[in-house]
Amino acid sequence: MSFMTDKVIIFSDGASKGNPGPGGWGAIVVVGDRVVELGGFDKHTTNNRMELTGALEALSLVDKQGVKENIVVNTDSKYVINGMTGWVFGWQKNGWQTKNKEDVSNRDLWEKLATAAQGKKIKWNYVGGHIGVAGNERCDEIASGLALGEKVKLFAGKISDYKIDIHNVGHDTVKKIKKTNSNAKAYSYVSLVGGVVYKDATWAECERRVKGVKGVKFQKSVSPENEEEIIKSWRA
């Protein structure tokens, strides 16, 4: 795939069934009007290694095209974000050892990711998992499916043919919900499909409703009041 612009949007995610256990990673690279989905499997790995691999593989694809600026990496892994915006610089100075003089876990992947990011202007953006961010949800679907040994069809083509509303990140809503309610029990899963609001009791029910449908919105609520806030924000 040849990139014709220097603006890049990346989503990445990883999963491990057992941690350690069989794992998978997924990534989406968006450049202009083109989209590429990536994914892979490891028979014995951890969540953190798969999170790192997803970001690494996405940046490696970008690196091959010579893109250096305007790159945004969206991930729900604070491990990846904290590492790439802080920890890695200290590790490099200390010979890839922690402050406690211990070897850095997953050093092989951290080194590769740091190399892939070198010389690029990258914004590492945190998005909440399982709260309706379309790109993150799709990456999770790829990663989890591959970890379970399922066959996952990966998309590559024009964004107009892509069934996912990839640009609907909803940063303000994501940050607010994640900050205050990230570990709270779900009250409901709200979705907006074809202009109609639906309220489901479980994520499985909501997922069946929205999966593969273009232009939908969906999010976890943690209380009746939060549910109404979400619906009002969509109507606004």
C-alpha atoms as a PDB file:
ATOM      1  CA  MET A   1       0.000   0.000   0.000  1.00  0.00           C
ATOM      2  CA  SER A   2       1.438   3.384  -0.971  1.00  0.00           C
ATOM      3  CA  PHE A   3       0.688   6.352   1.284  1.00  0.00           C
ATOM      4  CA  MET A   4      -0.019   9.617  -0.525  1.00  0.00           C
ATOM      5  CA  THR A   5      -0.180  11.865   2.561  1.00  0.00           C
ATOM      6  CA  ASP A   6       1.790  12.418   5.741  1.00  0.00           C
ATOM      7  CA  LYS A   7      -1.206  12.407   8.113  1.00  0.00           C
ATOM      8  CA  VAL A   8      -1.539   9.071   9.881  1.00  0.00           C
ATOM      9  CA  ILE A   9      -4.075   7.757  12.414  1.00  0.00           C
ATOM     10  CA  ILE A  10      -3.247   4.491  14.164  1.00  0.00           C
ATOM     11  CA  PHE A  11      -5.273   2.305  16.511  1.00  0.00           C
ATOM     12  CA  SER A  12      -3.663  -0.712  18.167  1.00  0.00           C
ATOM     13  CA  ASP A  13      -4.579  -3.326  20.760  1.00  0.00           C
ATOM     14  CA  GLY A  14      -3.447  -6.647  22.150  1.00  0.00           C
ATOM     15  CA  ALA A  15      -4.956  -9.630  23.959  1.00  0.00           C
ATOM     16  CA  SER A  16      -3.806 -12.775  25.715  1.00  0.00           C
ATOM     17  CA  LYS A  17      -6.097 -15.582  26.777  1.00  0.00           C
ATOM     18  CA  GLY A  18      -4.478 -16.677  30.014  1.00  0.00           C
ATOM     19  CA  ASN A  19      -1.791 -13.995  30.358  1.00  0.00           C
ATOM     20  CA  PRO A  20       0.409 -15.820  29.629  1.00  0.00           C
ATOM     21  CA  GLY A  21      -1.320 -17.896  27.005  1.00  0.00           C
ATOM     22  CA  PRO A  22      -2.276 -17.723  23.338  1.00  0.00           C
ATOM     23  CA  GLY A  23      -2.432 -14.118  22.228  1.00  0.00           C
ATOM     24  CA  GLY A  24      -3.231 -11.826  19.354  1.00  0.00           C
ATOM     25  CA  TRP A  25      -2.676  -8.243  18.320  1.00  0.00           C
ATOM     26  CA  GLY A  26      -4.596  -5.915  16.042  1.00  0.00           C
ATOM     27  CA  ALA A  27      -3.939  -2.542  14.458  1.00  0.00           C
ATOM     28  CA  ILE A  28      -5.539  -0.099  12.062  1.00  0.00           C
ATOM     29  CA  VAL A  29      -3.540   2.380   9.999  1.00  0.00           C
ATOM     30  CA  VAL A  30      -5.489   5.239   8.386  1.00  0.00           C
ATOM     31  CA  VAL A  31      -3.849   7.558   5.887  1.00  0.00           C
ATOM     32  CA  GLY A  32      -6.019   9.987   3.969  1.00  0.00           C
ATOM     33  CA  ASP A  33      -8.747   7.938   2.315  1.00  0.00           C
ATOM     34  CA  ARG A  34      -6.970   4.601   2.777  1.00  0.00           C
ATOM     35  CA  VAL A  35      -7.267   2.046   5.585  1.00  0.00           C
ATOM     36  CA  VAL A  36      -5.200  -1.038   6.388  1.00  0.00           C
ATOM     37  CA  GLU A  37      -5.978  -3.539   9.149  1.00  0.00           C
ATOM     38  CA  LEU A  38      -3.161  -5.632  10.604  1.00  0.00           C
ATOM     39  CA  GLY A  39      -3.192  -8.601  12.952  1.00  0.00           C
ATOM     40  CA  GLY A  40      -1.122 -11.500  14.229  1.00  0.00           C
ATOM     41  CA  PHE A  41      -1.020 -14.474  16.608  1.00  0.00           C
ATOM     42  CA  ASP A  42       1.422 -15.801  19.212  1.00  0.00           C
ATOM     43  CA  LYS A  43       0.882 -19.212  20.766  1.00  0.00           C
ATOM     44  CA  HIS A  44       2.306 -18.210  24.176  1.00  0.00           C
ATOM     45  CA  THR A  45       2.524 -14.575  25.222  1.00  0.00           C
ATOM     46  CA  THR A  46       1.183 -11.837  27.499  1.00  0.00           C
ATOM     47  CA  ASN A  47      -1.198  -8.900  27.161  1.00  0.00           C
ATOM     48  CA  ASN A  48       1.647  -6.407  27.411  1.00  0.00           C
ATOM     49  CA  ARG A  49       3.679  -8.076  24.684  1.00  0.00           C
ATOM     50  CA  MET A  50       0.691  -8.081  22.365  1.00  0.00           C
ATOM     51  CA  GLU A  51      -0.046  -4.406  23.126  1.00  0.00           C
ATOM     52  CA  LEU A  52       3.545  -3.537  22.255  1.00  0.00           C
ATOM     53  CA  THR A  53       3.476  -5.661  19.115  1.00  0.00           C
ATOM     54  CA  GLY A  54       0.315  -4.003  17.805  1.00  0.00           C
ATOM     55  CA  ALA A  55       1.837  -0.527  18.084  1.00  0.00           C
ATOM     56  CA  LEU A  56       5.158  -1.759  16.696  1.00  0.00           C
ATOM     57  CA  GLU A  57       3.670  -3.398  13.614  1.00  0.00           C
ATOM     58  CA  ALA A  58       1.576  -0.322  12.822  1.00  0.00           C
ATOM     59  CA  LEU A  59       4.569   2.018  13.097  1.00  0.00           C
ATOM     60  CA  SER A  60       6.700  -0.392  11.085  1.00  0.00           C
ATOM     61  CA  LEU A  61       4.204  -0.138   8.223  1.00  0.00           C
ATOM     62  CA  VAL A  62       4.289   3.657   8.443  1.00  0.00           C
ATOM     63  CA  ASP A  63       8.090   3.612   8.609  1.00  0.00           C
ATOM     64  CA  LYS A  64       8.307   1.745   5.303  1.00  0.00           C
ATOM     65  CA  GLN A  65       6.453   4.618   3.638  1.00  0.00           C
ATOM     66  CA  GLY A  66       8.812   7.280   4.975  1.00  0.00           C
ATOM     67  CA  VAL A  67       6.138   9.157   6.953  1.00  0.00           C
ATOM     68  CA  LYS A  68       7.688  11.174   9.800  1.00  0.00           C
ATOM     69  CA  GLU A  69       5.110  13.690  11.052  1.00  0.00           C
ATOM     70  CA  ASN A  70       1.459  14.053  12.075  1.00  0.00           C
ATOM     71  CA  ILE A  71       1.184  10.535  13.477  1.00  0.00           C
ATOM     72  CA  VAL A  72      -1.383   9.754  16.184  1.00  0.00           C
ATOM     73  CA  VAL A  73      -1.312   6.388  17.942  1.00  0.00           C
ATOM     74  CA  ASN A  74      -4.556   5.591  19.792  1.00  0.00           C
ATOM     75  CA  THR A  75      -4.365   2.816  22.371  1.00  0.00           C
ATOM     76  CA  ASP A  76      -6.046   1.732  25.598  1.00  0.00           C
ATOM     77  CA  SER A  77      -2.696   0.560  26.987  1.00  0.00           C
ATOM     78  CA  LYS A  78      -1.233   2.949  29.568  1.00  0.00           C
ATOM     79  CA  TYR A  79       1.723   0.554  29.652  1.00  0.00           C
ATOM     80  CA  VAL A  80       2.569   1.454  26.052  1.00  0.00           C
ATOM     81  CA  ILE A  81       1.867   5.168  26.464  1.00  0.00           C
ATOM     82  CA  ASN A  82       3.797   5.579  29.724  1.00  0.00           C
ATOM     83  CA  GLY A  83       6.685   3.638  28.267  1.00  0.00           C
ATOM     84  CA  MET A  84       6.943   5.620  25.043  1.00  0.00           C
ATOM     85  CA  THR A  85       6.427   9.046  26.635  1.00  0.00           C
ATOM     86  CA  GLY A  86       8.583   8.539  29.718  1.00  0.00           C
ATOM     87  CA  TRP A  87      10.065   5.257  30.848  1.00  0.00           C
ATOM     88  CA  VAL A  88      11.932   4.383  27.676  1.00  0.00           C
ATOM     89  CA  PHE A  89      14.225   7.413  27.868  1.00  0.00           C
ATOM     90  CA  GLY A  90      15.468   6.444  31.316  1.00  0.00           C
ATOM     91  CA  TRP A  91      15.841   2.821  30.318  1.00  0.00           C
ATOM     92  CA  GLN A  92      17.995   3.747  27.345  1.00  0.00           C
ATOM     93  CA  LYS A  93      20.292   5.870  29.520  1.00  0.00           C
ATOM     94  CA  ASN A  94      20.560   3.100  32.109  1.00  0.00           C
ATOM     95  CA  GLY A  95      21.419   0.343  29.640  1.00  0.00           C
ATOM     96  CA  TRP A  96      17.858  -0.999  29.617  1.00  0.00           C
ATOM     97  CA  GLN A  97      17.677  -1.452  33.338  1.00  0.00           C
ATOM     98  CA  THR A  98      15.096  -0.096  35.773  1.00  0.00           C
ATOM     99  CA  LYS A  99      15.890   2.218  38.690  1.00  0.00           C
ATOM    100  CA  ASN A 100      16.182  -0.935  40.797  1.00  0.00           C
ATOM    101  CA  LYS A 101      18.920  -2.215  38.473  1.00  0.00           C
ATOM    102  CA  GLU A 102      16.683  -4.954  37.095  1.00  0.00           C
ATOM    103  CA  ASP A 103      16.372  -5.883  33.432  1.00  0.00           C
ATOM    104  CA  VAL A 104      13.460  -4.178  31.674  1.00  0.00           C
ATOM    105  CA  SER A 105      10.615  -6.590  30.950  1.00  0.00           C
ATOM    106  CA  ASN A 106       9.913  -7.064  27.244  1.00  0.00           C
ATOM    107  CA  ARG A 107      13.132  -5.247  26.379  1.00  0.00           C
ATOM    108  CA  ASP A 108      13.271  -6.758  22.891  1.00  0.00           C
ATOM    109  CA  LEU A 109       9.945  -5.188  21.935  1.00  0.00           C
ATOM    110  CA  TRP A 110      10.609  -1.887  23.683  1.00  0.00           C
ATOM    111  CA  GLU A 111      13.862  -1.508  21.767  1.00  0.00           C
ATOM    112  CA  LYS A 112      12.169  -2.221  18.456  1.00  0.00           C
ATOM    113  CA  LEU A 113       9.292   0.152  19.209  1.00  0.00           C
ATOM    114  CA  ALA A 114      11.679   2.922  20.255  1.00  0.00           C
ATOM    115  CA  THR A 115      13.590   2.458  17.013  1.00  0.00           C
ATOM    116  CA  ALA A 116      10.386   2.537  14.949  1.00  0.00           C
ATOM    117  CA  ALA A 117       9.331   5.774  16.685  1.00  0.00           C
ATOM    118  CA  GLN A 118      12.727   7.452  16.397  1.00  0.00           C
ATOM    119  CA  GLY A 119      12.744  10.589  14.258  1.00  0.00           C
ATOM    120  CA  LYS A 120       8.963  10.757  14.057  1.00  0.00           C
ATOM    121  CA  LYS A 121       6.521  13.249  15.537  1.00  0.00           C
ATOM    122  CA  ILE A 122       4.027  10.975  17.296  1.00  0.00           C
ATOM    123  CA  LYS A 123       1.144  11.779  19.633  1.00  0.00           C
ATOM    124  CA  TRP A 124       0.460   8.851  21.950  1.00  0.00           C
ATOM    125  CA  ASN A 125      -3.241   9.158  22.710  1.00  0.00           C
ATOM    126  CA  TYR A 126      -5.065   7.198  25.405  1.00  0.00           C
ATOM    127  CA  VAL A 127      -8.582   5.953  24.616  1.00  0.00           C
ATOM    128  CA  GLY A 128     -10.749   3.894  26.939  1.00  0.00           C
ATOM    129  CA  GLY A 129     -11.422   0.263  26.107  1.00  0.00           C
ATOM    130  CA  HIS A 130     -14.926  -1.144  25.585  1.00  0.00           C
ATOM    131  CA  ILE A 131     -16.701   2.203  25.768  1.00  0.00           C
ATOM    132  CA  GLY A 132     -17.570   2.683  22.119  1.00  0.00           C
ATOM    133  CA  VAL A 133     -14.447   4.010  20.390  1.00  0.00           C
ATOM    134  CA  ALA A 134     -14.883   2.314  17.016  1.00  0.00           C
ATOM    135  CA  GLY A 135     -11.200   1.941  16.134  1.00  0.00           C
ATOM    136  CA  ASN A 136     -10.339   0.513  19.527  1.00  0.00           C
ATOM    137  CA  GLU A 137     -13.292  -1.885  19.439  1.00  0.00           C
ATOM    138  CA  ARG A 138     -12.253  -3.186  16.024  1.00  0.00           C
ATOM    139  CA  CYS A 139      -8.639  -3.701  17.111  1.00  0.00           C
ATOM    140  CA  ASP A 140      -9.863  -5.600  20.158  1.00  0.00           C
ATOM    141  CA  GLU A 141     -12.049  -7.745  17.899  1.00  0.00           C
ATOM    142  CA  ILE A 142      -9.045  -8.569  15.708  1.00  0.00           C
ATOM    143  CA  ALA A 143      -6.701  -9.243  18.635  1.00  0.00           C
ATOM    144  CA  SER A 144      -9.176 -11.335  20.645  1.00  0.00           C
ATOM    145  CA  GLY A 145     -10.339 -13.291  17.610  1.00  0.00           C
ATOM    146  CA  LEU A 146      -6.804 -14.219  16.603  1.00  0.00           C
ATOM    147  CA  ALA A 147      -5.916 -15.108  20.203  1.00  0.00           C
ATOM    148  CA  LEU A 148      -8.822 -17.573  20.184  1.00  0.00           C
ATOM    149  CA  GLY A 149      -7.623 -19.090  16.921  1.00  0.00           C
ATOM    150  CA  GLU A 150     -10.443 -17.630  14.851  1.00  0.00           C
ATOM    151  CA  LYS A 151     -10.082 -16.592  11.234  1.00  0.00           C
ATOM    152  CA  VAL A 152     -10.279 -12.800  11.068  1.00  0.00           C
ATOM    153  CA  LYS A 153     -10.684 -11.089   7.705  1.00  0.00           C
ATOM    154  CA  LEU A 154      -8.540  -7.964   7.576  1.00  0.00           C
ATOM    155  CA  PHE A 155      -9.579  -4.945   5.542  1.00  0.00           C
ATOM    156  CA  ALA A 156      -7.401  -2.974   3.140  1.00  0.00           C
ATOM    157  CA  GLY A 157      -8.904  -0.347   0.878  1.00  0.00           C
ATOM    158  CA  LYS A 158     -10.712   2.975   0.664  1.00  0.00           C
ATOM    159  CA  ILE A 159     -12.162   4.479   3.804  1.00  0.00           C
ATOM    160  CA  SER A 160     -15.469   4.950   1.955  1.00  0.00           C
ATOM    161  CA  ASP A 161     -15.763   1.154   1.823  1.00  0.00           C
ATOM    162  CA  TYR A 162     -14.833   0.707   5.499  1.00  0.00           C
ATOM    163  CA  LYS A 163     -17.792  -0.163   7.730  1.00  0.00           C
ATOM    164  CA  ILE A 164     -16.259   1.407  10.842  1.00  0.00           C
ATOM    165  CA  ASP A 165     -16.580   5.083  11.780  1.00  0.00           C
ATOM    166  CA  ILE A 166     -12.848   5.303  12.353  1.00  0.00           C
ATOM    167  CA  HIS A 167     -12.683   9.074  12.873  1.00  0.00           C
ATOM    168  CA  ASN A 168     -15.248   9.058  15.700  1.00  0.00           C
ATOM    169  CA  VAL A 169     -12.843   8.959  18.624  1.00  0.00           C
ATOM    170  CA  GLY A 170     -14.858  11.123  20.991  1.00  0.00           C
ATOM    171  CA  HIS A 171     -11.833  12.205  23.046  1.00  0.00           C
ATOM    172  CA  ASP A 172     -13.708  14.389  25.573  1.00  0.00           C
ATOM    173  CA  THR A 173     -16.306  11.751  26.385  1.00  0.00           C
ATOM    174  CA  VAL A 174     -13.714   8.992  26.499  1.00  0.00           C
ATOM    175  CA  LYS A 175     -11.470  10.843  28.936  1.00  0.00           C
ATOM    176  CA  LYS A 176     -14.352  11.827  31.222  1.00  0.00           C
ATOM    177  CA  ILE A 177     -15.850   8.349  31.444  1.00  0.00           C
ATOM    178  CA  LYS A 178     -12.493   6.613  31.757  1.00  0.00           C
ATOM    179  CA  LYS A 179     -11.276   8.916  34.505  1.00  0.00           C
ATOM    180  CA  THR A 180     -14.305   8.542  36.748  1.00  0.00           C
ATOM    181  CA  ASN A 181     -15.870   5.184  35.860  1.00  0.00           C
ATOM    182  CA  SER A 182     -13.238   2.928  34.297  1.00  0.00           C
ATOM    183  CA  ASN A 183     -13.673   0.122  36.837  1.00  0.00           C
ATOM    184  CA  ALA A 184     -17.328   0.676  37.633  1.00  0.00           C
ATOM    185  CA  LYS A 185     -19.900  -2.009  36.958  1.00  0.00           C
ATOM    186  CA  ALA A 186     -21.917  -1.404  33.802  1.00  0.00           C
ATOM    187  CA  TYR A 187     -25.473  -0.172  34.263  1.00  0.00           C
ATOM    188  CA  SER A 188     -26.208  -0.526  30.548  1.00  0.00           C
ATOM    189  CA  TYR A 189     -24.663  -0.436  27.084  1.00  0.00           C
ATOM    190  CA  VAL A 190     -26.186   2.358  25.043  1.00  0.00           C
ATOM    191  CA  SER A 191     -26.077   2.503  21.251  1.00  0.00           C
ATOM    192  CA  LEU A 192     -27.245   4.866  18.545  1.00  0.00           C
ATOM    193  CA  VAL A 193     -28.105   2.980  15.371  1.00  0.00           C
ATOM    194  CA  GLY A 194     -29.774   4.704  12.453  1.00  0.00           C
ATOM    195  CA  GLY A 195     -30.789   7.578  14.692  1.00  0.00           C
ATOM    196  CA  VAL A 196     -32.486   5.260  17.203  1.00  0.00           C
ATOM    197  CA  VAL A 197     -31.208   4.857  20.783  1.00  0.00           C
ATOM    198  CA  TYR A 198     -31.019   1.325  22.204  1.00  0.00           C
ATOM    199  CA  LYS A 199     -30.245   0.254  25.774  1.00  0.00           C
ATOM    200  CA  ASP A 200     -28.840  -3.233  26.344  1.00  0.00           C
ATOM    201  CA  ALA A 201     -28.106  -4.917  29.643  1.00  0.00           C
ATOM    202  CA  THR A 202     -24.970  -6.712  28.437  1.00  0.00           C
ATOM    203  CA  TRP A 203     -22.061  -5.960  26.116  1.00  0.00           C
ATOM    204  CA  ALA A 204     -22.831  -9.120  24.121  1.00  0.00           C
ATOM    205  CA  GLU A 205     -26.318  -7.817  23.264  1.00  0.00           C
ATOM    206  CA  CYS A 206     -24.969  -4.403  22.302  1.00  0.00           C
ATOM    207  CA  GLU A 207     -22.170  -5.919  20.246  1.00  0.00           C
ATOM    208  CA  ARG A 208     -24.623  -7.984  18.197  1.00  0.00           C
ATOM    209  CA  ARG A 209     -26.592  -4.816  17.466  1.00  0.00           C
ATOM    210  CA  VAL A 210     -23.675  -2.614  16.369  1.00  0.00           C
ATOM    211  CA  LYS A 211     -21.118  -5.041  14.959  1.00  0.00           C
ATOM    212  CA  GLY A 212     -20.448  -4.374  11.282  1.00  0.00           C
ATOM    213  CA  VAL A 213     -22.858  -1.431  11.120  1.00  0.00           C
ATOM    214  CA  LYS A 214     -21.404   1.795   9.765  1.00  0.00           C
ATOM    215  CA  GLY A 215     -21.828   5.109  11.564  1.00  0.00           C
ATOM    216  CA  VAL A 216     -23.102   3.765  14.887  1.00  0.00           C
ATOM    217  CA  LYS A 217     -22.204   5.001  18.363  1.00  0.00           C
ATOM    218  CA  PHE A 218     -22.107   2.865  21.487  1.00  0.00           C
ATOM    219  CA  GLN A 219     -20.856   3.254  25.039  1.00  0.00           C
ATOM    220  CA  LYS A 220     -21.013   1.765  28.521  1.00  0.00           C
ATOM    221  CA  SER A 221     -22.994   3.662  31.149  1.00  0.00           C
ATOM    222  CA  VAL A 222     -22.563   3.157  34.884  1.00  0.00           C
ATOM    223  CA  SER A 223     -25.762   4.697  36.239  1.00  0.00           C
ATOM    224  CA  PRO A 224     -29.152   5.972  35.046  1.00  0.00           C
ATOM    225  CA  GLU A 225     -27.770   9.509  35.179  1.00  0.00           C
ATOM    226  CA  ASN A 226     -24.676   8.575  33.202  1.00  0.00           C
ATOM    227  CA  GLU A 227     -26.833   6.779  30.653  1.00  0.00           C
ATOM    228  CA  GLU A 228     -28.890   9.935  30.125  1.00  0.00           C
ATOM    229  CA  GLU A 229     -25.722  12.067  29.858  1.00  0.00           C
ATOM    230  CA  ILE A 230     -24.436   9.866  27.051  1.00  0.00           C
ATOM    231  CA  ILE A 231     -27.713  10.006  25.149  1.00  0.00           C
ATOM    232  CA  LYS A 232     -27.920  13.792  25.558  1.00  0.00           C
ATOM    233  CA  SER A 233     -24.347  14.219  24.276  1.00  0.00           C
ATOM    234  CA  TRP A 234     -25.220  12.264  21.125  1.00  0.00           C
ATOM    235  CA  ARG A 235     -28.359  14.305  20.504  1.00  0.00           C
ATOM    236  CA  ALA A 236     -26.404  17.523  20.968  1.00  0.00           C
END
